[in-house]
């Protein structure tokens, strides 16, 4: 049996992980009696955590919003600093932070008192970031936390979605994971009506609650979801697709080939394969040339013809130049 302090932290973690627990389930998880669970819930309330209880056979415990953070864990200034940092990481798509920041933000915002929540929103509303390089797509942190919660709770999600051409559709999906690149966030989900896995850009999602019911999670479409999304947005989404052998290592190629540009596969220390796509073979030629790396075409053979045409055009231009 867990000691009281450790058990309280475990209980709090369980309440943050699910929307609602029955007393029997909590007792089973903690290895205590339902009466002990009731006493521990009372202790959490004394610490400032609003734990809601619904009576009856179908009732249970749920962590409410507006809890006061115990000063020995996080004081007000620390709580605001952590929340702002997580919001910045989530909203700007900082590579390496990933879904972890969104999950942590979802847990933290559940227990922030109203006064601190207002301070965090003010800081984010009146702060203008100066980004380096290409502007990242803007995703509301509230949308990200809503998507993360639906993934966590295995709860069906309904939303309006705008495709690349601006056409709007209503989707019902079983959300699985959020995947982020240095520029964008994506939701990998099972599309109920299309009976297949789909990848959605988070900045094009407009959630339409209420959500639900809950579902049994499916086997994901790939073990490496980052590679799966990268291939989808850089290759499968385009009419013209190609495999290019780059005469450099995969590690060096990654400096010029981002996740949205293609998928790299190491061949040896001096070569790698690039699987990529574009709207047309003409655009694909320009895309590969701008990488500044020696290469050869593996497929399709039509791309080689386009390269010959581009070579001849450049040769004529050079011959006619003063």
Protein backbone atom coordinates (compact mmCIF):
# COMPACT_ATOMS: atom_id res chain seq x y z
CA UNK A 1 0.00 0.00 0.00
CA UNK A 2 1.31 3.45 -0.88
CA UNK A 3 2.21 5.93 1.85
CA UNK A 4 -0.32 8.75 2.25
CA UNK A 5 1.71 11.53 0.51
CA UNK A 6 2.74 9.32 -2.41
CA UNK A 7 -0.81 8.01 -2.68
CA UNK A 8 -2.21 11.55 -2.87
CA UNK A 9 0.13 12.38 -5.75
CA UNK A 10 -0.85 9.15 -7.50
CA UNK A 11 -4.53 9.93 -6.97
CA UNK A 12 -4.06 13.43 -8.38
CA UNK A 13 -2.25 12.01 -11.42
CA UNK A 14 -5.10 9.56 -12.06
CA UNK A 15 -7.70 12.31 -11.81
CA UNK A 16 -5.73 14.40 -14.32
CA UNK A 17 -5.37 11.46 -16.72
CA UNK A 18 -9.11 10.77 -17.08
CA UNK A 19 -12.23 12.89 -17.03
CA UNK A 20 -14.00 10.71 -14.48
CA UNK A 21 -13.18 7.74 -12.28
CA UNK A 22 -15.48 5.57 -10.22
CA UNK A 23 -14.58 5.12 -6.57
CA UNK A 24 -14.10 1.39 -7.10
CA UNK A 25 -11.69 1.91 -10.00
CA UNK A 26 -9.61 4.40 -8.01
CA UNK A 27 -9.51 2.06 -5.02
CA UNK A 28 -8.35 -0.78 -7.27
CA UNK A 29 -5.62 1.36 -8.87
CA UNK A 30 -4.33 2.61 -5.51
CA UNK A 31 -4.69 -0.69 -3.65
CA UNK A 32 -6.90 0.80 -0.94
CA UNK A 33 -10.54 0.69 0.12
CA UNK A 34 -13.23 3.02 -1.30
CA UNK A 35 -13.45 4.62 2.16
CA UNK A 36 -9.73 5.53 1.95
CA UNK A 37 -10.33 7.02 -1.49
CA UNK A 38 -13.04 9.25 -0.02
CA UNK A 39 -10.67 10.42 2.73
CA UNK A 40 -7.89 11.11 0.20
CA UNK A 41 -10.30 13.10 -1.96
CA UNK A 42 -11.14 15.21 1.09
CA UNK A 43 -7.42 15.83 1.64
CA UNK A 44 -7.00 16.99 -1.96
CA UNK A 45 -9.89 19.40 -1.48
CA UNK A 46 -8.20 20.80 1.61
CA UNK A 47 -5.10 21.45 -0.53
CA UNK A 48 -7.18 23.48 -2.97
CA UNK A 49 -7.97 20.89 -5.67
CA UNK A 50 -11.71 20.99 -6.55
CA UNK A 51 -12.56 17.31 -6.88
CA UNK A 52 -16.18 16.92 -7.96
CA UNK A 53 -18.14 13.86 -6.90
CA UNK A 54 -21.36 12.60 -8.49
CA UNK A 55 -23.52 10.23 -6.40
CA UNK A 56 -25.21 7.01 -7.46
CA UNK A 57 -24.12 3.77 -9.10
CA UNK A 58 -22.95 5.60 -12.22
CA UNK A 59 -21.23 8.37 -10.30
CA UNK A 60 -17.58 9.03 -9.79
CA UNK A 61 -14.84 11.58 -9.17
CA UNK A 62 -13.69 14.30 -11.53
CA UNK A 63 -11.03 17.00 -11.16
CA UNK A 64 -12.57 20.43 -11.64
CA UNK A 65 -10.96 23.66 -12.82
CA UNK A 66 -9.69 26.44 -10.55
CA UNK A 67 -7.54 24.54 -8.08
CA UNK A 68 -5.03 26.44 -5.99
CA UNK A 69 -1.49 25.23 -6.51
CA UNK A 70 0.18 24.18 -3.25
CA UNK A 71 3.05 26.65 -2.63
CA UNK A 72 5.60 23.90 -2.03
CA UNK A 73 4.98 22.55 -5.52
CA UNK A 74 4.52 25.71 -7.61
CA UNK A 75 3.96 29.27 -6.45
CA UNK A 76 1.96 31.74 -8.54
CA UNK A 77 4.96 33.12 -10.45
CA UNK A 78 6.28 29.65 -11.24
CA UNK A 79 2.86 28.51 -12.39
CA UNK A 80 2.54 31.45 -14.79
CA UNK A 81 6.10 30.95 -16.10
CA UNK A 82 5.47 27.26 -16.82
CA UNK A 83 2.10 27.93 -18.49
CA UNK A 84 3.53 30.69 -20.72
CA UNK A 85 6.46 28.49 -21.70
CA UNK A 86 4.17 25.60 -22.60
CA UNK A 87 1.81 27.84 -24.55
CA UNK A 88 4.73 29.31 -26.50
CA UNK A 89 6.09 25.86 -27.31
CA UNK A 90 2.67 24.58 -28.37
CA UNK A 91 1.62 27.62 -30.36
CA UNK A 92 4.90 28.09 -32.22
CA UNK A 93 5.55 24.42 -32.97
CA UNK A 94 9.05 24.29 -31.47
CA UNK A 95 10.73 21.14 -32.76
CA UNK A 96 11.63 18.66 -30.02
CA UNK A 97 8.91 19.78 -27.60
CA UNK A 98 6.15 17.97 -29.43
CA UNK A 99 3.00 16.56 -27.95
CA UNK A 100 4.50 16.50 -24.44
CA UNK A 101 4.07 20.26 -24.05
CA UNK A 102 0.42 20.05 -25.05
CA UNK A 103 -0.31 17.21 -22.61
CA UNK A 104 1.43 19.10 -19.79
CA UNK A 105 -0.44 22.31 -20.64
CA UNK A 106 -3.77 20.48 -20.62
CA UNK A 107 -3.06 19.17 -17.12
CA UNK A 108 -1.79 22.49 -15.80
CA UNK A 109 -4.71 24.56 -17.11
CA UNK A 110 -7.15 22.22 -15.39
CA UNK A 111 -5.83 23.31 -12.00
CA UNK A 112 -4.87 26.95 -12.59
CA UNK A 113 -6.93 29.38 -10.47
CA UNK A 114 -8.93 31.91 -12.44
CA UNK A 115 -6.63 34.79 -11.46
CA UNK A 116 -3.59 32.97 -12.88
CA UNK A 117 -5.45 31.85 -15.99
CA UNK A 118 -6.25 35.51 -16.72
CA UNK A 119 -2.58 36.48 -16.32
CA UNK A 120 -1.45 33.77 -18.70
CA UNK A 121 -4.01 34.79 -21.33
CA UNK A 122 -2.98 38.46 -21.02
CA UNK A 123 0.68 37.62 -21.55
CA UNK A 124 -0.11 35.58 -24.65
CA UNK A 125 -2.59 38.10 -26.07
CA UNK A 126 -0.20 41.05 -25.84
CA UNK A 127 3.04 39.34 -26.82
CA UNK A 128 4.24 39.40 -30.44
CA UNK A 129 6.89 36.77 -31.32
CA UNK A 130 9.58 37.56 -33.90
CA UNK A 131 10.10 34.30 -35.78
CA UNK A 132 13.17 33.35 -37.79
CA UNK A 133 12.68 32.01 -41.30
CA UNK A 134 9.34 31.04 -42.82
CA UNK A 135 6.22 31.99 -40.86
CA UNK A 136 4.73 28.99 -39.11
CA UNK A 137 1.03 28.24 -39.34
CA UNK A 138 -0.88 29.65 -36.39
CA UNK A 139 -2.64 27.09 -34.20
CA UNK A 140 -4.70 28.12 -31.19
CA UNK A 141 -3.36 26.45 -28.06
CA UNK A 142 -6.94 25.80 -26.95
CA UNK A 143 -7.55 23.76 -30.10
CA UNK A 144 -4.35 21.78 -29.50
CA UNK A 145 -5.29 20.98 -25.92
CA UNK A 146 -8.79 19.95 -27.04
CA UNK A 147 -7.29 17.61 -29.64
CA UNK A 148 -4.79 16.24 -27.13
CA UNK A 149 -7.54 15.59 -24.59
CA UNK A 150 -9.59 13.71 -27.19
CA UNK A 151 -6.54 11.57 -28.05
CA UNK A 152 -5.89 10.92 -24.37
CA UNK A 153 -9.50 10.02 -23.56
CA UNK A 154 -10.06 7.97 -26.77
CA UNK A 155 -13.08 10.12 -27.51
CA UNK A 156 -14.60 10.68 -30.95
CA UNK A 157 -13.98 14.16 -32.29
CA UNK A 158 -16.19 16.28 -34.54
CA UNK A 159 -14.87 19.29 -36.44
CA UNK A 160 -15.15 21.41 -39.55
CA UNK A 161 -12.13 21.07 -41.80
CA UNK A 162 -10.79 23.27 -44.62
CA UNK A 163 -8.73 21.50 -47.27
CA UNK A 164 -5.89 23.03 -49.30
CA UNK A 165 -8.36 24.57 -51.74
CA UNK A 166 -10.46 26.14 -48.98
CA UNK A 167 -13.41 23.72 -49.28
CA UNK A 168 -15.07 22.95 -45.93
CA UNK A 169 -16.25 19.53 -44.76
CA UNK A 170 -17.57 18.13 -41.48
CA UNK A 171 -15.49 15.25 -40.12
CA UNK A 172 -16.04 12.67 -37.40
CA UNK A 173 -12.83 10.93 -36.39
CA UNK A 174 -11.22 8.73 -33.79
CA UNK A 175 -8.14 10.81 -32.87
CA UNK A 176 -4.89 8.96 -32.26
CA UNK A 177 -1.88 11.31 -31.99
CA UNK A 178 -0.69 14.86 -32.61
CA UNK A 179 2.48 15.16 -34.70
CA UNK A 180 4.43 18.41 -35.03
CA UNK A 181 7.11 19.66 -37.38
CA UNK A 182 9.09 22.87 -37.08
CA UNK A 183 6.28 24.65 -38.94
CA UNK A 184 2.98 22.84 -38.46
CA UNK A 185 0.89 20.54 -36.24
CA UNK A 186 -0.99 17.52 -37.62
CA UNK A 187 -3.67 15.21 -36.21
CA UNK A 188 -3.48 11.53 -37.14
CA UNK A 189 -6.96 10.04 -36.84
CA UNK A 190 -9.27 7.32 -38.13
CA UNK A 191 -11.92 8.96 -40.35
CA UNK A 192 -15.16 7.22 -39.44
CA UNK A 193 -17.08 8.05 -42.64
CA UNK A 194 -14.15 7.34 -45.00
CA UNK A 195 -13.19 4.18 -43.10
CA UNK A 196 -9.47 4.94 -43.30
CA UNK A 197 -6.62 6.77 -41.59
CA UNK A 198 -6.26 10.46 -42.40
CA UNK A 199 -3.85 13.27 -41.49
CA UNK A 200 -5.33 16.72 -40.75
CA UNK A 201 -3.53 20.04 -40.38
CA UNK A 202 -4.41 21.34 -36.93
CA UNK A 203 -4.62 24.97 -38.06
CA UNK A 204 -7.46 23.98 -40.42
CA UNK A 205 -9.49 22.22 -37.70
CA UNK A 206 -12.48 23.93 -36.08
CA UNK A 207 -13.75 21.63 -33.28
CA UNK A 208 -17.51 21.24 -32.93
CA UNK A 209 -18.33 19.80 -29.48
CA UNK A 210 -19.89 17.92 -27.86
CA UNK A 211 -17.53 15.07 -28.62
CA UNK A 212 -17.87 11.36 -27.94
CA UNK A 213 -18.61 8.57 -27.41
CA UNK A 214 -15.42 6.83 -26.38
CA UNK A 215 -13.88 4.19 -28.65
CA UNK A 216 -11.42 1.33 -28.46
CA UNK A 217 -8.08 2.57 -29.89
CA UNK A 218 -7.09 1.03 -33.22
CA UNK A 219 -3.66 -0.18 -34.30
CA UNK A 220 -1.91 2.93 -35.66
CA UNK A 221 -1.13 3.12 -39.40
CA UNK A 222 2.62 3.00 -38.75
CA UNK A 223 5.08 2.47 -35.92
CA UNK A 224 6.85 5.72 -36.79
CA UNK A 225 4.04 8.26 -36.98
CA UNK A 226 6.43 11.14 -37.65
CA UNK A 227 7.69 9.40 -40.80
CA UNK A 228 4.13 8.48 -41.74
CA UNK A 229 2.96 12.11 -41.56
CA UNK A 230 6.11 13.35 -43.30
CA UNK A 231 5.56 10.99 -46.22
CA UNK A 232 1.91 11.97 -46.41
CA UNK A 233 2.43 15.73 -46.52
CA UNK A 234 5.57 15.65 -48.68
CA UNK A 235 4.84 12.79 -51.10
CA UNK A 236 1.43 11.10 -51.07
CA UNK A 237 -0.42 14.42 -51.22
CA UNK A 238 1.13 15.35 -54.59
CA UNK A 239 0.40 14.22 -58.15
CA UNK A 240 4.10 14.04 -59.11
CA UNK A 241 6.23 11.76 -56.95
CA UNK A 242 9.86 10.73 -57.19
CA UNK A 243 12.70 8.84 -55.56
CA UNK A 244 16.03 10.67 -55.74
CA UNK A 245 19.47 9.37 -54.76
CA UNK A 246 21.36 12.17 -53.02
CA UNK A 247 25.16 11.99 -53.01
CA UNK A 248 25.48 12.91 -49.37
CA UNK A 249 24.71 11.29 -46.05
CA UNK A 250 21.18 11.30 -44.65
CA UNK A 251 22.44 13.32 -41.68
CA UNK A 252 23.79 16.11 -43.91
CA UNK A 253 20.78 15.97 -46.21
CA UNK A 254 18.53 16.59 -43.21
CA UNK A 255 20.04 20.08 -42.99
CA UNK A 256 18.30 21.05 -46.25
CA UNK A 257 15.39 18.56 -46.35
CA UNK A 258 12.71 19.20 -43.75
CA UNK A 259 9.90 16.81 -42.74
CA UNK A 260 7.50 18.60 -45.09
CA UNK A 261 9.99 18.35 -48.02
CA UNK A 262 10.37 14.59 -48.15
CA UNK A 263 11.44 11.42 -46.37
CA UNK A 264 15.12 10.47 -46.20
CA UNK A 265 16.44 6.91 -46.11
CA UNK A 266 20.12 6.24 -45.50
CA UNK A 267 21.94 4.05 -48.06
CA UNK A 268 25.48 4.34 -46.71
CA UNK A 269 27.73 7.01 -45.22
CA UNK A 270 27.84 8.93 -48.51
CA UNK A 271 24.41 8.38 -50.06
CA UNK A 272 20.73 8.48 -49.14
CA UNK A 273 17.35 8.21 -50.86
CA UNK A 274 14.85 11.04 -50.89
CA UNK A 275 11.16 10.27 -51.44
CA UNK A 276 9.37 13.47 -52.30
CA UNK A 277 6.58 14.98 -54.36
CA UNK A 278 5.34 18.18 -55.98
CA UNK A 279 2.41 19.52 -57.93
CA UNK A 280 4.20 18.75 -61.25
CA UNK A 281 7.48 17.36 -62.54
CA UNK A 282 8.58 20.89 -63.47
CA UNK A 283 8.20 22.01 -59.87
CA UNK A 284 9.91 18.84 -58.70
CA UNK A 285 12.99 19.64 -60.84
CA UNK A 286 13.28 23.08 -59.24
CA UNK A 287 12.68 21.61 -55.78
CA UNK A 288 15.54 19.11 -56.13
CA UNK A 289 17.93 21.57 -57.80
CA UNK A 290 17.52 24.13 -55.00
CA UNK A 291 18.78 21.60 -52.45
CA UNK A 292 22.32 22.22 -53.69
CA UNK A 293 23.27 18.53 -53.53
CA UNK A 294 24.51 16.24 -56.33
CA UNK A 295 21.87 13.65 -57.16
CA UNK A 296 20.54 11.10 -59.63
CA UNK A 297 16.97 10.10 -60.45
CA UNK A 298 15.86 6.65 -59.39
CA UNK A 299 12.24 7.06 -60.51
CA UNK A 300 10.21 8.03 -62.45
CA UNK A 301 12.07 8.02 -65.80
CA UNK A 302 9.97 10.99 -66.95
CA UNK A 303 11.79 13.16 -64.42
CA UNK A 304 15.09 12.46 -66.21
CA UNK A 305 13.59 13.83 -69.41
CA UNK A 306 12.50 16.97 -67.61
CA UNK A 307 16.04 17.38 -66.27
CA UNK A 308 17.47 17.05 -69.79
CA UNK A 309 15.06 19.69 -70.99
CA UNK A 310 16.05 21.99 -68.14
CA UNK A 311 19.75 21.36 -68.89
CA UNK A 312 19.30 22.25 -72.57
CA UNK A 313 17.38 25.40 -71.67
CA UNK A 314 20.10 26.50 -69.27
CA UNK A 315 22.81 25.74 -71.84
CA UNK A 316 21.06 27.92 -74.41
CA UNK A 317 20.70 30.70 -71.88
CA UNK A 318 24.41 30.57 -71.04
CA UNK A 319 25.43 30.47 -74.71
CA UNK A 320 23.38 33.58 -75.49
CA UNK A 321 24.55 35.54 -72.45
CA UNK A 322 27.27 38.23 -73.03
